[in-house]
Amino acid sequence: MISNNTFFPFRRRSFLIAAVTPVFTTIEVNAKTNAIPIQVWKDPNCGCCKDWIVHLEKVGFVATVKDQGNNAARARLGMPKQFASCHTAVVGGYVIEGHVPAQDIERLLKEKPQALGLAVPKMPIGSPGMEGAAYGGRRDAYQVLLVQRNGTTSVFNTY
């Protein structure tokens, strides 16, 4: 006959696992609940677009990617062509054009200004997705623009 003491470590382990599992499940659910959904249109072969999406996902955005280019999406969403970049996104009802830093998108969503969205025209080196060894560590100055529905802009942030 095996004594109860032989099984005690297993019962304790089972008890601990049962006690801790709901905590981890709650943390995982809360992390998913706080995720910010963003839809991105980009060229399927664009590496800097992929890097920008990784930048966003590191801070809690969850991207749905449409690998079909972004020209039609940009036009449909009303972002003026002069602010064009290699990808266009929609988050929280705002249009995001180009390599906008995640912190500026988070600020936009927090402040909720009356606007079409944010844009970083072209592809400035040093912006998220356009940084790193491939660019020799270079960083160009650039601005994040707050774009109004009528096409006027103001500077939202400067880098």
Protein backbone atom coordinates (compact mmCIF):
# COMPACT_ATOMS: atom_id res chain seq x y z
CA MET A 1 0.00 0.00 0.00
CA ILE A 2 1.21 3.49 -0.90
CA SER A 3 0.86 6.14 1.76
CA ASN A 4 -0.88 9.47 1.18
CA ASN A 5 2.48 11.21 1.64
CA THR A 6 3.69 9.72 -1.63
CA PHE A 7 1.03 11.64 -3.57
CA PHE A 8 1.17 14.86 -1.55
CA PRO A 9 3.67 16.66 -3.84
CA PHE A 10 1.44 15.92 -6.83
CA ARG A 11 -1.67 17.13 -5.08
CA ARG A 12 0.14 20.30 -4.00
CA ARG A 13 1.40 20.90 -7.56
CA SER A 14 -2.10 20.31 -8.94
CA PHE A 15 -3.51 22.69 -6.38
CA LEU A 16 -0.94 25.38 -7.24
CA ILE A 17 -1.56 25.00 -10.98
CA ALA A 18 -5.32 25.19 -10.43
CA ALA A 19 -4.91 28.27 -8.22
CA VAL A 20 -2.54 30.15 -10.56
CA THR A 21 -4.12 29.31 -13.93
CA PRO A 22 -7.11 31.68 -13.56
CA VAL A 23 -4.70 34.55 -12.76
CA PHE A 24 -2.68 33.96 -15.94
CA THR A 25 -5.85 33.50 -17.98
CA THR A 26 -7.20 36.80 -16.64
CA ILE A 27 -3.95 38.59 -17.47
CA GLU A 28 -3.98 37.14 -21.00
CA VAL A 29 -7.62 38.15 -21.56
CA ASN A 30 -6.98 41.65 -20.23
CA ALA A 31 -3.96 42.05 -22.50
CA LYS A 32 -6.08 41.06 -25.50
CA THR A 33 -8.91 43.35 -24.39
CA ASN A 34 -6.54 46.33 -24.25
CA ALA A 35 -5.18 45.60 -27.73
CA ILE A 36 -5.80 48.33 -30.27
CA PRO A 37 -7.03 47.02 -33.63
CA ILE A 38 -5.54 48.68 -36.71
CA GLN A 39 -6.15 47.85 -40.36
CA VAL A 40 -3.19 48.38 -42.72
CA TRP A 41 -3.05 48.49 -46.52
CA LYS A 42 0.42 47.93 -47.98
CA ASP A 43 2.36 46.36 -50.83
CA PRO A 44 2.97 42.65 -50.12
CA ASN A 45 6.71 43.04 -50.79
CA CYS A 46 7.38 46.14 -48.69
CA GLY A 47 9.81 45.40 -45.85
CA CYS A 48 9.61 48.80 -44.17
CA CYS A 49 5.82 48.45 -43.91
CA LYS A 50 6.29 45.10 -42.16
CA ASP A 51 8.81 46.72 -39.80
CA TRP A 52 6.34 49.54 -39.01
CA ILE A 53 3.66 46.96 -38.17
CA VAL A 54 6.11 45.16 -35.84
CA HIS A 55 6.79 48.55 -34.17
CA LEU A 56 3.05 48.95 -33.53
CA GLU A 57 2.51 45.40 -32.33
CA LYS A 58 5.30 45.75 -29.74
CA VAL A 59 3.18 48.33 -27.89
CA GLY A 60 -0.20 46.61 -28.14
CA PHE A 61 -1.67 47.24 -31.57
CA VAL A 62 -3.12 44.24 -33.40
CA ALA A 63 -2.82 44.66 -37.15
CA THR A 64 -5.05 43.27 -39.85
CA VAL A 65 -2.99 43.56 -43.02
CA LYS A 66 -4.32 43.96 -46.55
CA ASP A 67 -1.43 43.14 -48.91
CA GLN A 68 -2.98 44.84 -51.93
CA GLY A 69 -1.24 48.20 -52.03
CA ASN A 70 -2.52 51.38 -50.47
CA ASN A 71 -3.33 53.84 -53.27
CA ALA A 72 -7.01 52.86 -53.54
CA ALA A 73 -7.43 52.74 -49.75
CA ARG A 74 -5.78 56.16 -49.33
CA ALA A 75 -8.10 57.68 -51.95
CA ARG A 76 -11.22 55.98 -50.55
CA LEU A 77 -10.39 57.15 -47.01
CA GLY A 78 -9.85 60.75 -48.13
CA MET A 79 -6.16 61.16 -47.31
CA PRO A 80 -4.80 63.78 -49.74
CA LYS A 81 -2.23 62.41 -52.16
CA GLN A 82 0.41 65.00 -51.18
CA PHE A 83 0.78 63.17 -47.84
CA ALA A 84 1.30 59.77 -49.49
CA SER A 85 3.60 57.11 -48.16
CA CYS A 86 3.98 53.37 -48.63
CA HIS A 87 1.14 52.26 -46.33
CA THR A 88 -2.21 53.54 -45.12
CA ALA A 89 -4.04 52.46 -41.97
CA VAL A 90 -7.26 53.02 -40.09
CA VAL A 91 -7.48 52.98 -36.31
CA GLY A 92 -10.23 54.31 -34.06
CA GLY A 93 -11.88 56.09 -36.99
CA TYR A 94 -8.68 57.92 -37.97
CA VAL A 95 -6.57 57.50 -41.11
CA ILE A 96 -2.84 56.95 -40.54
CA GLU A 97 -0.57 57.56 -43.54
CA GLY A 98 3.04 56.43 -43.48
CA HIS A 99 5.58 55.82 -40.76
CA VAL A 100 3.75 57.47 -37.86
CA PRO A 101 5.26 56.49 -34.48
CA ALA A 102 3.02 54.39 -32.23
CA GLN A 103 3.20 56.97 -29.43
CA ASP A 104 1.65 59.58 -31.72
CA ILE A 105 -1.17 57.23 -32.69
CA GLU A 106 -1.78 56.50 -29.00
CA ARG A 107 -1.86 60.25 -28.27
CA LEU A 108 -4.30 60.79 -31.17
CA LEU A 109 -6.62 58.11 -29.79
CA LYS A 110 -6.40 59.60 -26.29
CA GLU A 111 -6.93 63.26 -27.27
CA LYS A 112 -9.53 62.52 -30.01
CA PRO A 113 -9.13 65.73 -32.03
CA GLN A 114 -11.53 66.57 -34.84
CA ALA A 115 -9.37 65.45 -37.78
CA LEU A 116 -9.00 62.97 -40.60
CA GLY A 117 -5.85 61.52 -39.07
CA LEU A 118 -2.06 61.62 -39.00
CA ALA A 119 0.51 61.53 -41.78
CA VAL A 120 4.26 61.22 -42.16
CA PRO A 121 4.64 61.97 -45.87
CA LYS A 122 7.16 60.04 -47.95
CA MET A 123 9.46 57.71 -46.01
CA PRO A 124 11.85 59.62 -43.72
CA ILE A 125 14.86 57.65 -42.59
CA GLY A 126 14.81 57.16 -38.83
CA SER A 127 11.01 56.94 -38.58
CA PRO A 128 9.57 53.63 -37.31
CA GLY A 129 10.20 50.96 -39.91
CA MET A 130 12.84 53.10 -41.61
CA GLU A 131 15.56 52.78 -38.98
CA GLY A 132 18.43 50.50 -38.13
CA ALA A 133 21.61 49.16 -39.64
CA ALA A 134 20.17 49.05 -43.18
CA TYR A 135 20.08 52.86 -43.06
CA GLY A 136 23.48 53.31 -41.45
CA GLY A 137 21.92 54.58 -38.24
CA ARG A 138 20.97 57.79 -40.04
CA ARG A 139 18.01 59.80 -38.75
CA ASP A 140 16.38 62.51 -40.81
CA ALA A 141 14.27 65.20 -39.17
CA TYR A 142 10.56 64.80 -39.90
CA GLN A 143 7.15 65.92 -38.73
CA VAL A 144 3.97 64.05 -37.94
CA LEU A 145 1.11 66.06 -39.40
CA LEU A 146 -2.43 66.27 -38.08
CA VAL A 147 -4.51 66.25 -41.26
CA GLN A 148 -7.95 67.85 -41.31
CA ARG A 149 -10.77 66.63 -43.54
CA ASN A 150 -10.33 69.70 -45.77
CA GLY A 151 -6.63 68.83 -46.32
CA THR A 152 -5.14 71.49 -44.06
CA THR A 153 -2.50 70.39 -41.55
CA SER A 154 -0.82 71.32 -38.34
CA VAL A 155 2.28 69.83 -36.77
CA PHE A 156 1.33 67.10 -34.30
CA ASN A 157 4.93 66.16 -33.39
CA THR A 158 8.48 66.78 -34.56
CA TYR A 159 11.38 64.34 -34.63
